[in-house]
Amino acid sequence: MLSKVFVYLSREGMSIYYSEDNSVVLEYKFEQEPVIPLYFYSTRDVFSFGIDARKRFHGGDSDAFGNYFDLIQEPAQTYSLYGSNEFEFKKILVSAFEKIMESLLRNELYKDVSNSNIKNSIDQLILVYSSDLLDKEKRLVSNVFQTAGYNKIKAINKTYAFLTCYNQHSKLDNFKSIFTIEGYENDLWITHFEGIQESPTSLKSIPGLGADPKAKIIAEMLFYKAVDKADAPFKKEQEESEILRLMPLALKYLEQGKKEPIDTVRLSDGTEERVRIKLREVNDKVDFRSDYGKLHEIIEDNLKNSNSTLIDSLILPFGAIAGEILLEKLRQKYSHVNVCDLDTLSCLSHLNSNDKIIDQGNLLPTRATSNPPTPTASADPAAPSRPAASPRPEAPKAPKPPSLPKPPAAPKATKPPVVSKPPAAPKATKPPVVSKATKPPAAPKPPVAPKATKPPTSGAPKTPAINSKTMIGDEGPPPAPPPIPSLKSKG
């Protein structure tokens, strides 16, 4: 049993983290990829997603899909899974997730679990949303998982999670406003928090400012040099995604600081070329015309609408976005600029042992987690046939004839047995109980008192007898005993 499974979602892709028995949190790299691109390929015989699907999509395959968060808002968009009926496209994310979980359970935990048992293998599913997703998109994805039968589910914002972790080391209570700055793909995202909240007060983005200018220039040079050497044809709309894929390699070059780094460049179509970059050329191309003025406007507009000032506000760039040029621009204008260099794994590890933080940041209403009937309806396309069976309940209307049982109501006539009240006469027998009260007559014991009256009758003669005896000489003392026997003789 997996105590927690964290699904980190952004427009770029999906990452999976898990914990057994609330122990350590581990990252699962499906097909050795830490981030699974949200591209899908589905036919009657094959279902795949990630890098392979992305290659097919850019190759023009009509069975490949991209731009997931755009397509899920189109109900008419459907897909077929292994020759089954058509499903709404939004559900394809759950199909991909369950395939990843099946791989995790079999290959990492050595458990033989089918897709139908995935839900029973997860005690708690936690969706972690990046800042580049809109609230309506988060609600839609949460609902897709809920209707698929994942009832023990919660959802939080990644930025909220990072702030709670960062607060463990740097106290944020001293600041009334916190501005986080993150880069997703090629855009810069600014979120404004008034304290640590589950959702930001505002969220803004600036297109084209989401990467260190030097890193982006290096990525572009790597791509164009590789394409030129291989003479590989690429469509214009593919160039941007290929350049984004090369950003990690470009950042590595910047960290190494080599003057002329050389490495193998791999493109999504399988092209591989050795490419050399001269950092001198990069420095010559750095363009400071990037619109950092827009960033300042966003921060200042938010401050005007709050009770904060620049003095009690913190500017917090995240990770790789905190390049030297951006930091320089920020520190020239703001007093408090820190860098949040936490990684996702360490942050989720902190949340794993602090359920209270997850509960406080949960974006889903608690009542939404108990919704068992919906899963079966959504999981099985044939489910709609069940409502067709609803006419059966109408059959009970026929039981109206059973109204005939009303005659049995005649038994109410059995009230005559109430006439059995005559037997109540026996209650008169209770008087015999009164006879017990006659026991008082047993009080004749008082007649014992009359016995006491007998002594007075015999006592009357005694006095004259005594007087007579006392009249007989002076033998008064001796004659005293005789009276006692004389009484016995009378008895």
Protein backbone atom coordinates (compact mmCIF):
# COMPACT_ATOMS: atom_id res chain seq x y z
CA MET A 1 0.00 0.00 0.00
CA LEU A 2 1.28 3.44 -0.96
CA SER A 3 0.49 5.87 1.84
CA LYS A 4 0.83 8.90 -0.45
CA VAL A 5 1.28 9.52 -4.17
CA PHE A 6 2.11 13.08 -5.25
CA VAL A 7 1.34 14.04 -8.86
CA TYR A 8 3.07 17.28 -9.81
CA LEU A 9 1.41 18.89 -12.84
CA SER A 10 2.45 21.84 -14.98
CA ARG A 11 1.92 22.74 -18.63
CA GLU A 12 5.31 21.22 -19.31
CA GLY A 13 4.48 17.77 -17.97
CA MET A 14 3.80 15.42 -15.07
CA SER A 15 6.10 14.06 -12.35
CA ILE A 16 5.36 11.25 -9.88
CA TYR A 17 6.53 10.97 -6.26
CA TYR A 18 5.46 8.31 -3.77
CA SER A 19 5.83 7.18 -0.17
CA GLU A 20 5.29 3.78 1.46
CA ASP A 21 3.93 3.72 5.00
CA ASN A 22 4.54 7.46 5.38
CA SER A 23 8.29 6.90 5.20
CA VAL A 24 10.65 8.68 2.80
CA VAL A 25 9.38 10.24 -0.44
CA LEU A 26 10.91 8.89 -3.66
CA GLU A 27 10.72 10.11 -7.23
CA TYR A 28 9.60 7.64 -9.89
CA LYS A 29 11.13 8.22 -13.32
CA PHE A 30 8.83 6.57 -15.82
CA GLU A 31 10.98 5.33 -18.69
CA GLN A 32 13.88 7.16 -17.02
CA GLU A 33 12.24 10.55 -17.49
CA PRO A 34 11.77 12.77 -14.39
CA VAL A 35 9.22 14.92 -16.24
CA ILE A 36 6.76 13.18 -18.54
CA PRO A 37 5.66 15.56 -21.34
CA LEU A 38 1.89 15.79 -21.69
CA TYR A 39 1.75 14.37 -25.21
CA PHE A 40 -0.40 11.33 -25.98
CA TYR A 41 -0.69 8.77 -28.76
CA SER A 42 -3.71 6.47 -28.86
CA THR A 43 -5.01 3.99 -31.46
CA ARG A 44 -7.00 0.77 -31.34
CA ASP A 45 -3.80 -1.16 -30.63
CA VAL A 46 -1.35 1.26 -29.01
CA PHE A 47 -1.45 3.75 -26.17
CA SER A 48 1.67 5.77 -25.30
CA PHE A 49 2.56 9.16 -23.90
CA GLY A 50 5.58 11.28 -23.13
CA ILE A 51 8.60 11.62 -25.40
CA ASP A 52 7.48 9.02 -27.95
CA ALA A 53 4.07 10.68 -28.32
CA ARG A 54 5.73 14.09 -28.63
CA LYS A 55 7.83 12.85 -31.54
CA ARG A 56 4.70 11.56 -33.27
CA PHE A 57 2.83 14.80 -32.59
CA HIS A 58 5.57 16.98 -34.09
CA GLY A 59 5.80 14.52 -36.95
CA GLY A 60 2.20 15.27 -37.87
CA ASP A 61 0.62 11.98 -36.71
CA SER A 62 -3.16 12.50 -36.49
CA ASP A 63 -3.44 10.03 -33.58
CA ALA A 64 -1.02 12.05 -31.44
CA PHE A 65 -2.20 14.85 -29.15
CA GLY A 66 -0.47 17.79 -27.47
CA ASN A 67 -1.54 20.97 -25.71
CA TYR A 68 -3.47 18.96 -23.12
CA PHE A 69 -4.74 21.93 -21.10
CA ASP A 70 -6.17 23.51 -24.21
CA LEU A 71 -7.87 20.37 -25.52
CA ILE A 72 -9.55 19.42 -22.23
CA GLN A 73 -11.78 22.45 -22.56
CA GLU A 74 -13.25 21.07 -25.79
CA PRO A 75 -15.89 18.41 -24.93
CA ALA A 76 -16.02 17.30 -28.58
CA GLN A 77 -12.36 16.19 -28.45
CA THR A 78 -12.25 12.41 -27.84
CA TYR A 79 -9.83 9.48 -27.98
CA SER A 80 -10.11 5.71 -28.27
CA LEU A 81 -8.28 3.43 -25.84
CA TYR A 82 -7.32 -0.04 -27.12
CA GLY A 83 -10.28 -0.19 -29.50
CA SER A 84 -12.85 0.65 -26.83
CA ASN A 85 -15.52 3.33 -27.11
CA GLU A 86 -14.64 6.97 -27.48
CA PHE A 87 -13.75 8.85 -24.27
CA GLU A 88 -13.58 12.56 -23.55
CA PHE A 89 -10.02 13.70 -24.11
CA LYS A 90 -9.71 15.10 -20.58
CA LYS A 91 -9.75 11.51 -19.25
CA ILE A 92 -6.59 10.57 -21.13
CA LEU A 93 -4.51 12.02 -18.29
CA VAL A 94 -5.97 9.45 -15.87
CA SER A 95 -5.24 6.65 -18.37
CA ALA A 96 -1.60 7.78 -18.52
CA PHE A 97 -1.37 8.11 -14.72
CA GLU A 98 -2.70 4.59 -14.18
CA LYS A 99 -0.22 3.16 -16.67
CA ILE A 100 2.61 4.89 -14.77
CA MET A 101 1.30 3.56 -11.44
CA GLU A 102 1.04 0.04 -12.83
CA SER A 103 4.68 0.29 -13.91
CA LEU A 104 5.70 1.64 -10.50
CA LEU A 105 3.93 -1.11 -8.57
CA ARG A 106 5.34 -3.88 -10.75
CA ASN A 107 8.88 -2.68 -11.41
CA GLU A 108 9.71 -0.92 -8.14
CA LEU A 109 7.49 -2.58 -5.54
CA TYR A 110 7.17 -5.97 -7.28
CA LYS A 111 3.41 -6.15 -7.00
CA ASP A 112 1.15 -7.57 -9.67
CA VAL A 113 -1.62 -5.00 -9.89
CA SER A 114 -3.97 -4.32 -12.77
CA ASN A 115 -5.38 -0.90 -13.62
CA SER A 116 -8.64 -1.78 -11.87
CA ASN A 117 -6.78 -2.18 -8.56
CA ILE A 118 -4.68 0.97 -8.77
CA LYS A 119 -7.16 2.95 -6.63
CA ASN A 120 -7.00 0.34 -3.85
CA SER A 121 -3.20 0.57 -3.84
CA ILE A 122 -3.15 4.29 -2.98
CA ASP A 123 -4.21 5.50 0.44
CA GLN A 124 -4.01 9.20 -0.46
CA LEU A 125 -3.58 10.92 -3.83
CA ILE A 126 -2.29 14.50 -3.74
CA LEU A 127 -2.30 16.69 -6.86
CA VAL A 128 0.31 19.46 -6.78
CA TYR A 129 -0.37 22.26 -9.27
CA SER A 130 2.24 24.64 -10.68
CA SER A 131 1.67 28.38 -10.98
CA ASP A 132 1.31 28.27 -14.77
CA LEU A 133 -2.08 26.54 -14.49
CA LEU A 134 -5.28 28.54 -14.21
CA ASP A 135 -7.78 27.88 -11.41
CA LYS A 136 -10.40 26.54 -13.84
CA GLU A 137 -7.82 24.09 -15.24
CA LYS A 138 -6.96 22.88 -11.76
CA ARG A 139 -10.63 22.35 -10.93
CA LEU A 140 -11.18 20.45 -14.17
CA VAL A 141 -8.24 18.09 -13.62
CA SER A 142 -9.25 17.47 -9.98
CA ASN A 143 -12.75 16.60 -11.14
CA VAL A 144 -11.41 14.18 -13.77
CA PHE A 145 -9.61 12.18 -11.08
CA GLN A 146 -12.58 12.29 -8.71
CA THR A 147 -15.05 11.05 -11.28
CA ALA A 148 -12.59 8.28 -12.17
CA GLY A 149 -13.01 6.94 -8.63
CA TYR A 150 -10.12 8.53 -6.73
CA ASN A 151 -12.07 9.61 -3.65
CA LYS A 152 -9.18 9.95 -1.22
CA ILE A 153 -7.78 12.94 -3.06
CA LYS A 154 -6.46 16.39 -2.17
CA ALA A 155 -4.99 19.21 -4.24
CA ILE A 156 -2.54 21.98 -3.32
CA ASN A 157 -0.62 24.74 -5.06
CA LYS A 158 3.10 24.12 -5.47
CA THR A 159 3.91 27.69 -4.46
CA TYR A 160 1.99 27.29 -1.19
CA ALA A 161 3.88 24.07 -0.50
CA PHE A 162 7.24 25.73 -1.15
CA LEU A 163 6.41 28.70 1.08
CA THR A 164 5.52 26.45 4.02
CA CYS A 165 8.81 24.58 3.56
CA TYR A 166 10.86 27.76 3.13
CA ASN A 167 9.26 29.15 6.29
CA GLN A 168 10.95 26.39 8.29
CA HIS A 169 14.31 28.08 7.75
CA SER A 170 13.47 31.72 7.03
CA LYS A 171 10.63 33.31 8.95
CA LEU A 172 8.15 34.84 6.57
CA ASP A 173 5.87 36.24 9.28
CA ASN A 174 7.85 39.48 9.23
CA PHE A 175 6.58 40.28 5.73
CA LYS A 176 3.07 41.43 4.89
CA SER A 177 3.53 40.68 1.19
CA ILE A 178 5.46 37.90 -0.51
CA PHE A 179 6.08 37.88 -4.27
CA THR A 180 7.27 34.59 -5.75
CA ILE A 181 8.85 34.57 -9.20
CA GLU A 182 8.97 31.36 -11.23
CA GLY A 183 9.82 30.41 -14.78
CA TYR A 184 7.75 27.91 -16.75
CA GLU A 185 8.88 27.15 -20.26
CA ASN A 186 9.55 30.63 -21.67
CA ASP A 187 7.27 32.69 -19.42
CA LEU A 188 7.78 34.41 -16.09
CA TRP A 189 5.06 33.98 -13.46
CA ILE A 190 4.63 36.35 -10.50
CA THR A 191 2.37 35.37 -7.60
CA HIS A 192 1.43 37.69 -4.76
CA PHE A 193 0.68 36.29 -1.29
CA GLU A 194 -0.46 38.28 1.73
CA GLY A 195 1.08 35.86 4.20
CA ILE A 196 1.20 32.11 3.66
CA GLN A 197 -2.10 31.26 1.95
CA GLU A 198 -3.33 28.21 0.06
CA SER A 199 -4.02 30.43 -2.98
CA PRO A 200 -2.32 33.66 -4.08
CA THR A 201 -3.98 37.07 -4.03
CA SER A 202 -2.99 37.54 -7.67
CA LEU A 203 -1.17 35.71 -10.44
CA LYS A 204 0.43 37.39 -13.48
CA SER A 205 2.71 36.24 -16.27
CA ILE A 206 5.17 37.92 -18.61
CA PRO A 207 5.72 36.05 -21.91
CA GLY A 208 9.32 35.57 -23.02
CA LEU A 209 10.90 36.47 -19.68
CA GLY A 210 10.90 33.01 -18.11
CA ALA A 211 14.52 32.08 -18.70
CA ASP A 212 17.95 33.46 -18.05
CA PRO A 213 18.80 35.37 -21.28
CA LYS A 214 22.20 33.68 -21.45
CA ALA A 215 20.71 30.18 -21.02
CA LYS A 216 18.13 30.79 -23.71
CA ILE A 217 20.77 32.10 -26.13
CA ILE A 218 22.90 28.98 -25.52
CA ALA A 219 19.89 26.69 -26.06
CA GLU A 220 19.09 28.45 -29.34
CA MET A 221 22.71 28.14 -30.51
CA LEU A 222 22.77 24.41 -29.63
CA PHE A 223 19.58 23.78 -31.58
CA TYR A 224 20.46 25.71 -34.74
CA LYS A 225 24.01 24.36 -34.88
CA ALA A 226 22.75 20.76 -34.53
CA VAL A 227 20.08 21.26 -37.22
CA ASP A 228 22.60 22.83 -39.59
CA LYS A 229 25.12 20.01 -39.14
CA ALA A 230 22.51 17.27 -39.57
CA ASP A 231 20.55 19.14 -42.21
CA ALA A 232 17.44 18.04 -40.29
CA PRO A 233 14.16 19.69 -41.30
CA PHE A 234 12.12 21.20 -38.47
CA LYS A 235 8.86 23.07 -38.65
CA LYS A 236 8.80 26.57 -37.25
CA GLU A 237 6.30 25.62 -34.54
CA GLN A 238 8.64 22.84 -33.38
CA GLU A 239 11.62 25.09 -32.82
CA GLU A 240 10.40 26.61 -29.56
CA SER A 241 9.71 23.22 -27.93
CA GLU A 242 13.12 21.90 -29.06
CA ILE A 243 14.88 24.94 -27.60
CA LEU A 244 13.04 24.47 -24.31
CA ARG A 245 14.18 20.84 -24.20
CA LEU A 246 17.80 22.03 -24.46
CA MET A 247 17.51 24.51 -21.57
CA PRO A 248 18.83 22.05 -18.91
CA LEU A 249 21.96 21.49 -21.03
CA ALA A 250 22.36 25.25 -21.50
CA LEU A 251 22.11 25.86 -17.74
CA LYS A 252 24.74 23.17 -17.16
CA TYR A 253 27.10 25.06 -19.47
CA LEU A 254 26.58 28.25 -17.46
CA GLU A 255 27.26 26.47 -14.18
CA GLN A 256 30.48 24.89 -15.50
CA GLY A 257 31.74 28.25 -16.71
CA LYS A 258 33.81 26.73 -19.53
CA LYS A 259 34.75 29.13 -22.30
CA GLU A 260 34.05 26.70 -25.13
CA PRO A 261 31.93 23.79 -23.89
CA ILE A 262 31.24 20.91 -26.29
CA ASP A 263 28.58 18.24 -25.91
CA THR A 264 26.26 15.91 -27.81
CA VAL A 265 22.94 17.49 -28.67
CA ARG A 266 19.95 15.15 -29.02
CA LEU A 267 16.79 16.38 -30.73
CA SER A 268 13.32 14.88 -30.40
CA ASP A 269 13.43 13.29 -33.86
CA GLY A 270 16.50 11.26 -32.89
CA THR A 271 19.08 13.58 -34.42
CA GLU A 272 22.42 13.59 -32.52
CA GLU A 273 25.28 15.99 -33.20
CA ARG A 274 28.41 17.15 -31.35
CA VAL A 275 28.18 20.92 -30.92
CA ARG A 276 30.71 23.46 -29.61
CA ILE A 277 29.59 26.78 -28.08
CA LYS A 278 31.77 29.85 -27.49
CA LEU A 279 30.59 31.76 -24.41
CA ARG A 280 32.17 34.91 -25.83
CA GLU A 281 29.57 34.81 -28.59
CA VAL A 282 26.86 34.35 -25.95
CA ASN A 283 27.94 37.45 -24.05
CA ASP A 284 27.89 39.45 -27.26
CA LYS A 285 24.31 38.42 -27.88
CA VAL A 286 22.92 39.06 -24.43
CA ASP A 287 20.01 41.39 -24.92
CA PHE A 288 19.20 43.65 -21.98
CA ARG A 289 16.12 44.90 -23.72
CA SER A 290 14.07 42.28 -21.83
CA ASP A 291 11.01 43.95 -20.35
CA TYR A 292 11.91 43.89 -16.65
CA GLY A 293 9.96 47.14 -16.34
CA LYS A 294 6.79 45.04 -16.67
CA LEU A 295 7.88 42.98 -13.69
CA HIS A 296 8.26 46.10 -11.56
CA GLU A 297 4.83 47.34 -12.64
CA ILE A 298 3.16 44.09 -11.53
CA ILE A 299 4.80 44.22 -8.09
CA GLU A 300 3.97 47.88 -7.52
CA ASP A 301 0.36 47.51 -8.70
CA ASN A 302 -0.18 44.71 -6.19
CA LEU A 303 1.32 46.77 -3.38
CA LYS A 304 -1.09 49.62 -4.12
CA ASN A 305 -4.02 47.24 -3.64
CA SER A 306 -2.72 45.88 -0.34
CA ASN A 307 -1.64 47.22 3.03
CA SER A 308 2.01 46.53 2.25
CA THR A 309 4.97 48.66 1.27
CA LEU A 310 8.34 47.88 -0.29
CA ILE A 311 9.83 47.84 3.21
CA ASP A 312 7.70 44.95 4.49
CA SER A 313 7.62 42.95 1.24
CA LEU A 314 9.78 40.00 0.22
CA ILE A 315 10.73 39.16 -3.38
CA LEU A 316 11.39 35.42 -3.69
CA PRO A 317 12.69 34.07 -7.05
CA PHE A 318 12.55 30.27 -7.34
CA GLY A 319 15.40 28.02 -8.41
CA ALA A 320 16.91 28.30 -11.86
CA ILE A 321 14.95 31.45 -12.69
CA ALA A 322 17.15 33.32 -10.23
CA GLY A 323 19.81 34.09 -12.82
CA GLU A 324 22.39 36.81 -12.28
CA ILE A 325 20.65 39.31 -14.58
CA LEU A 326 17.23 38.94 -12.92
CA LEU A 327 18.70 39.15 -9.42
CA GLU A 328 20.65 42.25 -10.36
CA LYS A 329 17.50 43.95 -11.66
CA LEU A 330 15.53 43.04 -8.53
CA ARG A 331 18.18 44.05 -5.98
CA GLN A 332 18.60 47.43 -7.60
CA LYS A 333 15.01 48.25 -6.66
CA TYR A 334 13.94 46.14 -3.66
CA SER A 335 15.36 45.82 -0.14
CA HIS A 336 14.40 42.21 0.56
CA VAL A 337 15.30 39.76 -2.22
CA ASN A 338 16.02 36.14 -1.32
CA VAL A 339 16.39 33.02 -3.46
CA CYS A 340 14.29 29.93 -2.75
CA ASP A 341 16.56 27.09 -3.84
CA LEU A 342 14.42 24.25 -2.47
CA ASP A 343 13.85 21.32 -4.79
CA THR A 344 10.51 19.59 -5.26
CA LEU A 345 11.57 16.30 -3.66
CA SER A 346 12.72 17.88 -0.37
CA CYS A 347 9.59 20.01 -0.22
CA LEU A 348 7.27 17.03 -0.72
CA SER A 349 9.23 15.11 1.92
CA HIS A 350 8.39 17.90 4.36
CA LEU A 351 4.70 17.73 3.42
CA ASN A 352 4.68 13.95 3.74
CA SER A 353 5.30 14.22 7.47
CA ASN A 354 2.98 17.21 7.97
CA ASP A 355 -0.57 16.28 7.02
CA LYS A 356 -1.83 19.45 8.69
CA ILE A 357 -0.07 21.61 6.07
CA ILE A 358 -1.70 19.59 3.28
CA ASP A 359 -5.14 19.89 4.90
CA GLN A 360 -4.78 23.65 5.36
CA GLY A 361 -3.75 24.14 1.74
CA ASN A 362 -6.28 21.70 0.26
CA LEU A 363 -8.07 23.32 -2.70
CA LEU A 364 -10.86 20.73 -2.75
CA PRO A 365 -13.93 20.86 -0.51
CA THR A 366 -13.90 17.94 1.91
CA ARG A 367 -17.33 16.81 0.77
CA ALA A 368 -15.93 16.28 -2.72
CA THR A 369 -13.71 13.45 -1.46
CA SER A 370 -16.70 11.21 -0.70
CA ASN A 371 -18.34 10.65 -4.02
CA PRO A 372 -18.37 6.90 -4.70
CA PRO A 373 -21.28 6.63 -7.15
CA THR A 374 -19.74 8.88 -9.83
CA PRO A 375 -16.64 6.78 -10.52
CA THR A 376 -18.53 3.78 -11.83
CA ALA A 377 -20.55 5.93 -14.18
CA SER A 378 -17.51 7.62 -15.65
CA ALA A 379 -15.17 4.66 -15.72
CA ASP A 380 -17.51 2.53 -17.77
CA PRO A 381 -18.89 4.11 -20.94
CA ALA A 382 -21.69 1.54 -20.85
CA ALA A 383 -22.84 2.96 -17.55
CA PRO A 384 -25.39 5.22 -19.25
CA SER A 385 -27.37 2.06 -20.02
CA ARG A 386 -28.20 1.83 -16.34
CA PRO A 387 -30.40 4.88 -16.39
CA ALA A 388 -32.34 3.13 -19.19
CA ALA A 389 -33.28 0.53 -16.60
CA SER A 390 -34.94 3.25 -14.59
CA PRO A 391 -38.39 2.29 -16.04
CA ARG A 392 -38.29 -0.73 -13.75
CA PRO A 393 -38.85 1.38 -10.68
CA GLU A 394 -42.07 2.52 -12.33
CA ALA A 395 -43.35 -1.03 -12.12
CA PRO A 396 -43.93 -0.65 -8.39
CA LYS A 397 -46.83 1.60 -9.40
CA ALA A 398 -48.71 -1.62 -10.18
CA PRO A 399 -48.74 -2.47 -6.49
CA LYS A 400 -51.53 0.06 -6.21
CA PRO A 401 -53.99 -2.86 -6.54
CA PRO A 402 -52.62 -4.10 -3.26
CA SER A 403 -54.81 -1.33 -1.97
CA LEU A 404 -57.22 -4.27 -1.71
CA PRO A 405 -55.56 -5.15 1.52
CA LYS A 406 -57.74 -2.42 2.92
CA PRO A 407 -60.33 -5.14 3.72
CA PRO A 408 -57.85 -6.53 6.15
CA ALA A 409 -58.42 -3.22 7.77
CA ALA A 410 -61.72 -4.89 8.78
CA PRO A 411 -59.81 -6.63 11.50
CA LYS A 412 -60.14 -3.28 13.10
CA ALA A 413 -63.63 -4.64 13.80
CA THR A 414 -61.81 -6.88 16.18
CA LYS A 415 -62.31 -3.98 18.47
CA PRO A 416 -65.26 -6.03 19.81
CA PRO A 417 -62.67 -8.05 21.60
CA VAL A 418 -62.36 -4.85 23.44
CA VAL A 419 -65.68 -6.01 24.90
CA SER A 420 -63.46 -8.36 26.73
CA LYS A 421 -63.55 -5.58 29.22
CA PRO A 422 -66.06 -7.74 31.14
CA PRO A 423 -63.08 -9.82 32.08
CA ALA A 424 -62.14 -6.62 33.75
CA ALA A 425 -64.63 -7.83 36.36
CA PRO A 426 -61.87 -9.99 37.66
CA LYS A 427 -60.43 -6.71 38.66
CA ALA A 428 -63.21 -6.84 41.24
CA THR A 429 -61.36 -9.78 42.60
CA LYS A 430 -58.93 -7.22 43.76
CA PRO A 431 -61.31 -6.65 46.70
CA PRO A 432 -60.19 -10.03 47.98
CA VAL A 433 -56.90 -8.35 48.13
CA VAL A 434 -58.70 -5.96 50.42
CA SER A 435 -59.45 -9.02 52.49
CA LYS A 436 -55.85 -8.88 53.27
CA ALA A 437 -56.76 -5.67 54.87
CA THR A 438 -59.10 -7.74 57.07
CA LYS A 439 -55.95 -8.87 58.71
CA PRO A 440 -56.40 -5.81 60.88
CA PRO A 441 -59.32 -7.65 62.51
CA ALA A 442 -56.62 -10.01 63.63
CA ALA A 443 -56.05 -7.18 66.01
CA PRO A 444 -58.36 -9.04 68.39
CA LYS A 445 -55.06 -9.53 70.09
CA PRO A 446 -56.17 -6.53 72.07
CA PRO A 447 -58.65 -8.85 73.83
CA VAL A 448 -55.54 -9.91 75.64
CA ALA A 449 -56.13 -6.72 77.48
CA PRO A 450 -59.40 -8.10 78.83
CA LYS A 451 -57.35 -10.88 80.36
CA ALA A 452 -55.77 -8.17 82.35
CA THR A 453 -59.23 -7.30 83.55
CA LYS A 454 -59.51 -10.72 85.15
CA PRO A 455 -56.91 -9.87 87.73
CA PRO A 456 -58.97 -6.92 88.86
CA THR A 457 -61.99 -9.26 89.44
CA SER A 458 -59.89 -11.63 91.48
CA GLY A 459 -58.03 -8.76 93.07
CA ALA A 460 -61.24 -7.32 94.55
CA PRO A 461 -61.83 -10.34 96.79
CA LYS A 462 -58.17 -10.46 97.62
CA THR A 463 -58.28 -7.28 99.57
CA PRO A 464 -61.02 -8.46 101.88
CA ALA A 465 -59.21 -11.83 102.34
CA ILE A 466 -56.06 -10.11 103.26
CA ASN A 467 -57.88 -7.95 105.65
CA SER A 468 -59.44 -10.98 107.28
CA LYS A 469 -56.16 -12.70 107.66
CA THR A 470 -54.60 -9.70 109.17
CA MET A 471 -57.43 -9.78 111.60
CA ILE A 472 -56.41 -13.26 112.76
CA GLY A 473 -53.75 -12.81 115.31
CA ASP A 474 -50.21 -11.63 114.77
CA GLU A 475 -49.28 -14.23 112.10
CA GLY A 476 -49.19 -11.71 109.27
CA PRO A 477 -45.69 -12.51 107.96
CA PRO A 478 -46.03 -16.31 107.83
CA PRO A 479 -49.45 -16.35 106.13
CA ALA A 480 -48.06 -14.30 103.12
CA PRO A 481 -46.97 -17.43 101.16
CA PRO A 482 -50.41 -19.09 101.34
CA PRO A 483 -52.15 -16.49 99.14
CA ILE A 484 -50.03 -17.59 96.13
CA PRO A 485 -51.10 -21.21 96.34
CA SER A 486 -54.64 -20.13 96.95
CA LEU A 487 -54.60 -18.36 93.52
CA LYS A 488 -53.31 -21.51 91.81
CA SER A 489 -56.08 -23.47 93.33
CA LYS A 490 -58.58 -21.06 91.84
CA GLY A 491 -57.03 -21.47 88.39
